[in-house]
Amino acid sequence: MEKVITLEEALKRIEELENENAKLREELEYYKNRKLSGRQKHNAKWMAIYNDFVAGYESGMTMVEIAKRNNVSERTIYRYKAYYDKITKTEH
């Protein structure tokens, strides 16, 4: 027992689906363009400060000196240190 669909019903349903699709595309665009919150790990800025941390740390600078030089918190530098320790531990 097939459901009989007229041409008008089919066209109306197509229009409904196209409208729904347009709304979903707008919503998708919103989510694509929104700014992500929180710490952005391993982006270009993060890597630049991390690489500077490594250079300073390996040359014997203190954590406080490195934090002041990069204008970041000491907590951030200790996060870099934890990451550095994790990376160097896995390399050996």
PDB file of N, CA and C in Angstrom:
ATOM      1  N   MET A   1       0.826  -1.178   0.000  1.00  0.00           N
ATOM      2  CA  MET A   1       0.000   0.000   0.000  1.00  0.00           C
ATOM      3  C   MET A   1       0.876   1.249   0.000  1.00  0.00           C
ATOM      4  N   GLU A   2       1.082   1.757  -1.155  1.00  0.00           N
ATOM      5  CA  GLU A   2       1.887   2.962  -1.283  1.00  0.00           C
ATOM      6  C   GLU A   2       1.053   4.199  -1.023  1.00  0.00           C
ATOM      7  N   LYS A   3       1.714   5.178  -0.464  1.00  0.00           N
ATOM      8  CA  LYS A   3       1.047   6.446  -0.224  1.00  0.00           C
ATOM      9  C   LYS A   3       1.081   7.231  -1.525  1.00  0.00           C
ATOM     10  N   VAL A   4      -0.051   7.729  -1.957  1.00  0.00           N
ATOM     11  CA  VAL A   4      -0.133   8.482  -3.200  1.00  0.00           C
ATOM     12  C   VAL A   4       0.240   9.935  -2.908  1.00  0.00           C
ATOM     13  N   ILE A   5       1.266  10.421  -3.605  1.00  0.00           N
ATOM     14  CA  ILE A   5       1.729  11.797  -3.409  1.00  0.00           C
ATOM     15  C   ILE A   5       1.502  12.553  -4.704  1.00  0.00           C
ATOM     16  N   THR A   6       0.829  13.666  -4.575  1.00  0.00           N
ATOM     17  CA  THR A   6       0.579  14.482  -5.765  1.00  0.00           C
ATOM     18  C   THR A   6       1.794  15.364  -6.027  1.00  0.00           C
ATOM     19  N   LEU A   7       1.828  15.912  -7.214  1.00  0.00           N
ATOM     20  CA  LEU A   7       2.918  16.795  -7.597  1.00  0.00           C
ATOM     21  C   LEU A   7       2.960  18.013  -6.686  1.00  0.00           C
ATOM     22  N   GLU A   8       1.791  18.555  -6.338  1.00  0.00           N
ATOM     23  CA  GLU A   8       1.742  19.727  -5.463  1.00  0.00           C
ATOM     24  C   GLU A   8       2.313  19.416  -4.080  1.00  0.00           C
ATOM     25  N   GLU A   9       1.967  18.231  -3.530  1.00  0.00           N
ATOM     26  CA  GLU A   9       2.490  17.838  -2.220  1.00  0.00           C
ATOM     27  C   GLU A   9       4.007  17.674  -2.271  1.00  0.00           C
ATOM     28  N   ALA A  10       4.487  17.068  -3.347  1.00  0.00           N
ATOM     29  CA  ALA A  10       5.925  16.863  -3.499  1.00  0.00           C
ATOM     30  C   ALA A  10       6.652  18.194  -3.599  1.00  0.00           C
ATOM     31  N   LEU A  11       6.104  19.129  -4.375  1.00  0.00           N
ATOM     32  CA  LEU A  11       6.748  20.444  -4.505  1.00  0.00           C
ATOM     33  C   LEU A  11       6.730  21.204  -3.184  1.00  0.00           C
ATOM     34  N   LYS A  12       5.620  21.073  -2.453  1.00  0.00           N
ATOM     35  CA  LYS A  12       5.524  21.731  -1.149  1.00  0.00           C
ATOM     36  C   LYS A  12       6.562  21.148  -0.193  1.00  0.00           C
ATOM     37  N   ARG A  13       6.716  19.842  -0.198  1.00  0.00           N
ATOM     38  CA  ARG A  13       7.704  19.184   0.673  1.00  0.00           C
ATOM     39  C   ARG A  13       9.126  19.583   0.292  1.00  0.00           C
ATOM     40  N   ILE A  14       9.392  19.686  -0.994  1.00  0.00           N
ATOM     41  CA  ILE A  14      10.711  20.125  -1.462  1.00  0.00           C
ATOM     42  C   ILE A  14      10.999  21.531  -0.956  1.00  0.00           C
ATOM     43  N   GLU A  15      10.016  22.411  -1.043  1.00  0.00           N
ATOM     44  CA  GLU A  15      10.187  23.784  -0.567  1.00  0.00           C
ATOM     45  C   GLU A  15      10.463  23.812   0.942  1.00  0.00           C
ATOM     46  N   GLU A  16       9.723  22.996   1.699  1.00  0.00           N
ATOM     47  CA  GLU A  16       9.948  22.910   3.148  1.00  0.00           C
ATOM     48  C   GLU A  16      11.369  22.453   3.454  1.00  0.00           C
ATOM     49  N   LEU A  17      11.823  21.439   2.742  1.00  0.00           N
ATOM     50  CA  LEU A  17      13.174  20.914   2.959  1.00  0.00           C
ATOM     51  C   LEU A  17      14.237  21.930   2.564  1.00  0.00           C
ATOM     52  N   GLU A  18      14.019  22.671   1.478  1.00  0.00           N
ATOM     53  CA  GLU A  18      14.973  23.700   1.075  1.00  0.00           C
ATOM     54  C   GLU A  18      15.062  24.802   2.127  1.00  0.00           C
ATOM     55  N   ASN A  19      13.908  25.206   2.703  1.00  0.00           N
ATOM     56  CA  ASN A  19      13.908  26.211   3.769  1.00  0.00           C
ATOM     57  C   ASN A  19      14.650  25.711   5.004  1.00  0.00           C
ATOM     58  N   GLU A  20      14.376  24.464   5.365  1.00  0.00           N
ATOM     59  CA  GLU A  20      15.060  23.875   6.517  1.00  0.00           C
ATOM     60  C   GLU A  20      16.566  23.803   6.265  1.00  0.00           C
ATOM     61  N   ASN A  21      16.928  23.431   5.058  1.00  0.00           N
ATOM     62  CA  ASN A  21      18.335  23.350   4.679  1.00  0.00           C
ATOM     63  C   ASN A  21      19.007  24.720   4.776  1.00  0.00           C
ATOM     64  N   ALA A  22      18.318  25.772   4.327  1.00  0.00           N
ATOM     65  CA  ALA A  22      18.872  27.127   4.391  1.00  0.00           C
ATOM     66  C   ALA A  22      19.099  27.549   5.834  1.00  0.00           C
ATOM     67  N   LYS A  23      18.145  27.250   6.719  1.00  0.00           N
ATOM     68  CA  LYS A  23      18.296  27.584   8.137  1.00  0.00           C
ATOM     69  C   LYS A  23      19.482  26.839   8.752  1.00  0.00           C
ATOM     70  N   LEU A  24      19.611  25.568   8.406  1.00  0.00           N
ATOM     71  CA  LEU A  24      20.721  24.782   8.936  1.00  0.00           C
ATOM     72  C   LEU A  24      22.066  25.281   8.419  1.00  0.00           C
ATOM     73  N   ARG A  25      22.115  25.744   7.174  1.00  0.00           N
ATOM     74  CA  ARG A  25      23.357  26.319   6.642  1.00  0.00           C
ATOM     75  C   ARG A  25      23.742  27.588   7.396  1.00  0.00           C
ATOM     76  N   GLU A  26      22.732  28.422   7.713  1.00  0.00           N
ATOM     77  CA  GLU A  26      23.003  29.636   8.500  1.00  0.00           C
ATOM     78  C   GLU A  26      23.555  29.273   9.871  1.00  0.00           C
ATOM     79  N   GLU A  27      22.955  28.277  10.509  1.00  0.00           N
ATOM     80  CA  GLU A  27      23.418  27.838  11.822  1.00  0.00           C
ATOM     81  C   GLU A  27      24.833  27.280  11.738  1.00  0.00           C
ATOM     82  N   LEU A  28      25.103  26.511  10.707  1.00  0.00           N
ATOM     83  CA  LEU A  28      26.437  25.959  10.505  1.00  0.00           C
ATOM     84  C   LEU A  28      27.458  27.075  10.308  1.00  0.00           C
ATOM     85  N   GLU A  29      27.103  28.089   9.542  1.00  0.00           N
ATOM     86  CA  GLU A  29      27.997  29.223   9.309  1.00  0.00           C
ATOM     87  C   GLU A  29      28.298  29.946  10.620  1.00  0.00           C
ATOM     88  N   TYR A  30      27.281  30.088  11.466  1.00  0.00           N
ATOM     89  CA  TYR A  30      27.478  30.713  12.779  1.00  0.00           C
ATOM     90  C   TYR A  30      28.518  29.935  13.579  1.00  0.00           C
ATOM     91  N   TYR A  31      28.379  28.620  13.625  1.00  0.00           N
ATOM     92  CA  TYR A  31      29.317  27.810  14.399  1.00  0.00           C
ATOM     93  C   TYR A  31      30.711  27.791  13.792  1.00  0.00           C
ATOM     94  N   LYS A  32      30.808  27.886  12.487  1.00  0.00           N
ATOM     95  CA  LYS A  32      32.125  27.934  11.838  1.00  0.00           C
ATOM     96  C   LYS A  32      32.857  29.232  12.174  1.00  0.00           C
ATOM     97  N   ASN A  33      32.115  30.333  12.273  1.00  0.00           N
ATOM     98  CA  ASN A  33      32.719  31.644  12.444  1.00  0.00           C
ATOM     99  C   ASN A  33      32.868  32.098  13.883  1.00  0.00           C
ATOM    100  N   ARG A  34      32.306  31.382  14.830  1.00  0.00           N
ATOM    101  CA  ARG A  34      32.383  31.863  16.209  1.00  0.00           C
ATOM    102  C   ARG A  34      33.785  31.681  16.762  1.00  0.00           C
ATOM    103  N   LYS A  35      34.118  32.540  17.680  1.00  0.00           N
ATOM    104  CA  LYS A  35      35.436  32.484  18.314  1.00  0.00           C
ATOM    105  C   LYS A  35      35.434  31.401  19.376  1.00  0.00           C
ATOM    106  N   LEU A  36      36.410  30.560  19.335  1.00  0.00           N
ATOM    107  CA  LEU A  36      36.516  29.507  20.322  1.00  0.00           C
ATOM    108  C   LEU A  36      37.054  30.094  21.619  1.00  0.00           C
ATOM    109  N   SER A  37      36.521  29.663  22.720  1.00  0.00           N
ATOM    110  CA  SER A  37      36.978  30.183  23.998  1.00  0.00           C
ATOM    111  C   SER A  37      37.960  29.207  24.620  1.00  0.00           C
ATOM    112  N   GLY A  38      38.646  29.675  25.619  1.00  0.00           N
ATOM    113  CA  GLY A  38      39.580  28.818  26.324  1.00  0.00           C
ATOM    114  C   GLY A  38      40.974  28.869  25.720  1.00  0.00           C
ATOM    115  N   ARG A  39      41.831  28.054  26.273  1.00  0.00           N
ATOM    116  CA  ARG A  39      43.222  28.020  25.865  1.00  0.00           C
ATOM    117  C   ARG A  39      43.337  27.368  24.492  1.00  0.00           C
ATOM    118  N   GLN A  40      44.010  28.037  23.576  1.00  0.00           N
ATOM    119  CA  GLN A  40      44.216  27.500  22.231  1.00  0.00           C
ATOM    120  C   GLN A  40      45.601  26.844  22.168  1.00  0.00           C
ATOM    121  N   LYS A  41      45.646  25.603  22.509  1.00  0.00           N
ATOM    122  CA  LYS A  41      46.928  24.906  22.587  1.00  0.00           C
ATOM    123  C   LYS A  41      47.490  24.637  21.196  1.00  0.00           C
ATOM    124  N   HIS A  42      48.758  24.885  21.063  1.00  0.00           N
ATOM    125  CA  HIS A  42      49.532  24.593  19.865  1.00  0.00           C
ATOM    126  C   HIS A  42      49.176  25.438  18.647  1.00  0.00           C
ATOM    127  N   ASN A  43      48.614  26.607  18.853  1.00  0.00           N
ATOM    128  CA  ASN A  43      48.473  27.500  17.717  1.00  0.00           C
ATOM    129  C   ASN A  43      49.798  28.244  17.554  1.00  0.00           C
ATOM    130  N   ALA A  44      49.903  29.146  16.596  1.00  0.00           N
ATOM    131  CA  ALA A  44      51.177  29.801  16.287  1.00  0.00           C
ATOM    132  C   ALA A  44      51.722  30.593  17.487  1.00  0.00           C
ATOM    133  N   LYS A  45      50.850  31.319  18.172  1.00  0.00           N
ATOM    134  CA  LYS A  45      51.287  32.113  19.329  1.00  0.00           C
ATOM    135  C   LYS A  45      51.794  31.190  20.433  1.00  0.00           C
ATOM    136  N   TRP A  46      51.067  30.113  20.698  1.00  0.00           N
ATOM    137  CA  TRP A  46      51.465  29.166  21.726  1.00  0.00           C
ATOM    138  C   TRP A  46      52.833  28.580  21.416  1.00  0.00           C
ATOM    139  N   MET A  47      53.016  28.173  20.165  1.00  0.00           N
ATOM    140  CA  MET A  47      54.295  27.570  19.767  1.00  0.00           C
ATOM    141  C   MET A  47      55.445  28.564  19.863  1.00  0.00           C
ATOM    142  N   ALA A  48      55.196  29.830  19.515  1.00  0.00           N
ATOM    143  CA  ALA A  48      56.254  30.842  19.595  1.00  0.00           C
ATOM    144  C   ALA A  48      56.710  31.020  21.039  1.00  0.00           C
ATOM    145  N   ILE A  49      55.759  31.131  21.959  1.00  0.00           N
ATOM    146  CA  ILE A  49      56.124  31.297  23.374  1.00  0.00           C
ATOM    147  C   ILE A  49      56.766  30.018  23.901  1.00  0.00           C
ATOM    148  N   TYR A  50      56.247  28.873  23.497  1.00  0.00           N
ATOM    149  CA  TYR A  50      56.826  27.599  23.952  1.00  0.00           C
ATOM    150  C   TYR A  50      58.273  27.464  23.483  1.00  0.00           C
ATOM    151  N   ASN A  51      58.519  27.768  22.216  1.00  0.00           N
ATOM    152  CA  ASN A  51      59.887  27.668  21.698  1.00  0.00           C
ATOM    153  C   ASN A  51      60.822  28.630  22.422  1.00  0.00           C
ATOM    154  N   ASP A  52      60.320  29.831  22.759  1.00  0.00           N
ATOM    155  CA  ASP A  52      61.119  30.778  23.522  1.00  0.00           C
ATOM    156  C   ASP A  52      61.360  30.241  24.933  1.00  0.00           C
ATOM    157  N   PHE A  53      60.345  29.595  25.515  1.00  0.00           N
ATOM    158  CA  PHE A  53      60.497  28.967  26.829  1.00  0.00           C
ATOM    159  C   PHE A  53      61.605  27.923  26.787  1.00  0.00           C
ATOM    160  N   VAL A  54      61.577  27.065  25.768  1.00  0.00           N
ATOM    161  CA  VAL A  54      62.583  26.004  25.664  1.00  0.00           C
ATOM    162  C   VAL A  54      63.986  26.607  25.581  1.00  0.00           C
ATOM    163  N   ALA A  55      64.137  27.632  24.750  1.00  0.00           N
ATOM    164  CA  ALA A  55      65.449  28.275  24.614  1.00  0.00           C
ATOM    165  C   ALA A  55      65.902  28.856  25.947  1.00  0.00           C
ATOM    166  N   GLY A  56      65.003  29.538  26.638  1.00  0.00           N
ATOM    167  CA  GLY A  56      65.360  30.126  27.930  1.00  0.00           C
ATOM    168  C   GLY A  56      65.619  29.082  28.994  1.00  0.00           C
ATOM    169  N   TYR A  57      64.779  28.073  29.059  1.00  0.00           N
ATOM    170  CA  TYR A  57      64.910  27.027  30.063  1.00  0.00           C
ATOM    171  C   TYR A  57      66.211  26.256  29.884  1.00  0.00           C
ATOM    172  N   GLU A  58      66.523  25.925  28.637  1.00  0.00           N
ATOM    173  CA  GLU A  58      67.746  25.166  28.379  1.00  0.00           C
ATOM    174  C   GLU A  58      69.001  26.000  28.575  1.00  0.00           C
ATOM    175  N   SER A  59      68.857  27.336  28.532  1.00  0.00           N
ATOM    176  CA  SER A  59      70.023  28.191  28.774  1.00  0.00           C
ATOM    177  C   SER A  59      70.160  28.555  30.252  1.00  0.00           C
ATOM    178  N   GLY A  60      69.243  28.058  31.099  1.00  0.00           N
ATOM    179  CA  GLY A  60      69.383  28.243  32.535  1.00  0.00           C
ATOM    180  C   GLY A  60      68.587  29.389  33.131  1.00  0.00           C
ATOM    181  N   MET A  61      67.695  29.998  32.374  1.00  0.00           N
ATOM    182  CA  MET A  61      66.872  31.070  32.926  1.00  0.00           C
ATOM    183  C   MET A  61      65.874  30.503  33.939  1.00  0.00           C
ATOM    184  N   THR A  62      65.454  31.338  34.881  1.00  0.00           N
ATOM    185  CA  THR A  62      64.442  30.900  35.843  1.00  0.00           C
ATOM    186  C   THR A  62      63.058  31.019  35.210  1.00  0.00           C
ATOM    187  N   MET A  63      62.101  30.346  35.831  1.00  0.00           N
ATOM    188  CA  MET A  63      60.724  30.389  35.326  1.00  0.00           C
ATOM    189  C   MET A  63      60.186  31.819  35.366  1.00  0.00           C
ATOM    190  N   VAL A  64      60.504  32.551  36.427  1.00  0.00           N
ATOM    191  CA  VAL A  64      60.015  33.920  36.572  1.00  0.00           C
ATOM    192  C   VAL A  64      60.587  34.809  35.469  1.00  0.00           C
ATOM    193  N   GLU A  65      61.863  34.650  35.165  1.00  0.00           N
ATOM    194  CA  GLU A  65      62.487  35.444  34.091  1.00  0.00           C
ATOM    195  C   GLU A  65      61.837  35.152  32.738  1.00  0.00           C
ATOM    196  N   ILE A  66      61.584  33.887  32.483  1.00  0.00           N
ATOM    197  CA  ILE A  66      60.963  33.511  31.207  1.00  0.00           C
ATOM    198  C   ILE A  66      59.538  34.080  31.125  1.00  0.00           C
ATOM    199  N   ALA A  67      58.795  34.008  32.228  1.00  0.00           N
ATOM    200  CA  ALA A  67      57.427  34.533  32.248  1.00  0.00           C
ATOM    201  C   ALA A  67      57.427  36.033  31.979  1.00  0.00           C
ATOM    202  N   LYS A  68      58.329  36.765  32.619  1.00  0.00           N
ATOM    203  CA  LYS A  68      58.395  38.217  32.414  1.00  0.00           C
ATOM    204  C   LYS A  68      58.815  38.545  30.985  1.00  0.00           C
ATOM    205  N   ARG A  69      59.754  37.794  30.450  1.00  0.00           N
ATOM    206  CA  ARG A  69      60.230  38.053  29.090  1.00  0.00           C
ATOM    207  C   ARG A  69      59.120  37.862  28.066  1.00  0.00           C
ATOM    208  N   ASN A  70      58.262  36.880  28.287  1.00  0.00           N
ATOM    209  CA  ASN A  70      57.173  36.594  27.343  1.00  0.00           C
ATOM    210  C   ASN A  70      55.869  37.278  27.715  1.00  0.00           C
ATOM    211  N   ASN A  71      55.851  37.969  28.838  1.00  0.00           N
ATOM    212  CA  ASN A  71      54.657  38.671  29.307  1.00  0.00           C
ATOM    213  C   ASN A  71      53.476  37.713  29.483  1.00  0.00           C
ATOM    214  N   VAL A  72      53.754  36.578  30.125  1.00  0.00           N
ATOM    215  CA  VAL A  72      52.718  35.593  30.447  1.00  0.00           C
ATOM    216  C   VAL A  72      52.827  35.253  31.926  1.00  0.00           C
ATOM    217  N   SER A  73      51.825  34.572  32.452  1.00  0.00           N
ATOM    218  CA  SER A  73      51.834  34.215  33.871  1.00  0.00           C
ATOM    219  C   SER A  73      52.838  33.086  34.137  1.00  0.00           C
ATOM    220  N   GLU A  74      53.240  33.006  35.401  1.00  0.00           N
ATOM    221  CA  GLU A  74      54.143  31.919  35.788  1.00  0.00           C
ATOM    222  C   GLU A  74      53.446  30.571  35.611  1.00  0.00           C
ATOM    223  N   ARG A  75      52.142  30.535  35.860  1.00  0.00           N
ATOM    224  CA  ARG A  75      51.380  29.291  35.690  1.00  0.00           C
ATOM    225  C   ARG A  75      51.475  28.799  34.243  1.00  0.00           C
ATOM    226  N   THR A  76      51.412  29.733  33.303  1.00  0.00           N
ATOM    227  CA  THR A  76      51.534  29.367  31.890  1.00  0.00           C
ATOM    228  C   THR A  76      52.903  28.752  31.628  1.00  0.00           C
ATOM    229  N   ILE A  77      53.935  29.349  32.207  1.00  0.00           N
ATOM    230  CA  ILE A  77      55.297  28.819  32.017  1.00  0.00           C
ATOM    231  C   ILE A  77      55.404  27.417  32.613  1.00  0.00           C
ATOM    232  N   TYR A  78      54.765  27.192  33.750  1.00  0.00           N
ATOM    233  CA  TYR A  78      54.798  25.847  34.328  1.00  0.00           C
ATOM    234  C   TYR A  78      54.025  24.839  33.473  1.00  0.00           C
ATOM    235  N   ARG A  79      53.004  25.298  32.756  1.00  0.00           N
ATOM    236  CA  ARG A  79      52.316  24.421  31.795  1.00  0.00           C
ATOM    237  C   ARG A  79      53.277  24.038  30.670  1.00  0.00           C
ATOM    238  N   TYR A  80      54.031  25.040  30.181  1.00  0.00           N
ATOM    239  CA  TYR A  80      55.031  24.764  29.147  1.00  0.00           C
ATOM    240  C   TYR A  80      56.078  23.783  29.671  1.00  0.00           C
ATOM    241  N   LYS A  81      56.469  23.943  30.926  1.00  0.00           N
ATOM    242  CA  LYS A  81      57.469  23.061  31.528  1.00  0.00           C
ATOM    243  C   LYS A  81      56.931  21.634  31.582  1.00  0.00           C
ATOM    244  N   ALA A  82      55.670  21.477  31.968  1.00  0.00           N
ATOM    245  CA  ALA A  82      55.069  20.140  32.025  1.00  0.00           C
ATOM    246  C   ALA A  82      55.046  19.510  30.633  1.00  0.00           C
ATOM    247  N   TYR A  83      54.694  20.307  29.634  1.00  0.00           N
ATOM    248  CA  TYR A  83      54.676  19.807  28.256  1.00  0.00           C
ATOM    249  C   TYR A  83      56.091  19.442  27.812  1.00  0.00           C
ATOM    250  N   TYR A  84      57.061  20.299  28.136  1.00  0.00           N
ATOM    251  CA  TYR A  84      58.472  20.069  27.798  1.00  0.00           C
ATOM    252  C   TYR A  84      58.950  18.756  28.436  1.00  0.00           C
ATOM    253  N   ASP A  85      58.628  18.558  29.727  1.00  0.00           N
ATOM    254  CA  ASP A  85      59.034  17.336  30.411  1.00  0.00           C
ATOM    255  C   ASP A  85      58.409  16.105  29.762  1.00  0.00           C
ATOM    256  N   LYS A  86      57.154  16.214  29.377  1.00  0.00           N
ATOM    257  CA  LYS A  86      56.458  15.108  28.731  1.00  0.00           C
ATOM    258  C   LYS A  86      57.117  14.769  27.396  1.00  0.00           C
ATOM    259  N   ILE A  87      57.435  15.793  26.611  1.00  0.00           N
ATOM    260  CA  ILE A  87      58.057  15.576  25.296  1.00  0.00           C
ATOM    261  C   ILE A  87      59.461  14.992  25.457  1.00  0.00           C
ATOM    262  N   THR A  88      60.258  15.564  26.343  1.00  0.00           N
ATOM    263  CA  THR A  88      61.637  15.071  26.492  1.00  0.00           C
ATOM    264  C   THR A  88      61.657  13.679  27.110  1.00  0.00           C
ATOM    265  N   LYS A  89      60.679  13.373  27.946  1.00  0.00           N
ATOM    266  CA  LYS A  89      60.601  12.029  28.538  1.00  0.00           C
ATOM    267  C   LYS A  89      60.311  10.980  27.472  1.00  0.00           C
ATOM    268  N   THR A  90      59.438  11.302  26.528  1.00  0.00           N
ATOM    269  CA  THR A  90      59.083  10.332  25.488  1.00  0.00           C
ATOM    270  C   THR A  90      60.177  10.197  24.445  1.00  0.00           C
ATOM    271  N   GLU A  91      61.035  11.204  24.324  1.00  0.00           N
ATOM    272  CA  GLU A  91      62.114  11.133  23.333  1.00  0.00           C
ATOM    273  C   GLU A  91      63.251  10.260  23.808  1.00  0.00           C
ATOM    274  N   HIS A  92      63.405  10.088  25.130  1.00  0.00           N
ATOM    275  CA  HIS A  92      64.533   9.313  25.652  1.00  0.00           C
ATOM    276  C   HIS A  92      64.154   7.910  25.943  1.00  0.00           C
TER     277      HIS A  92
END
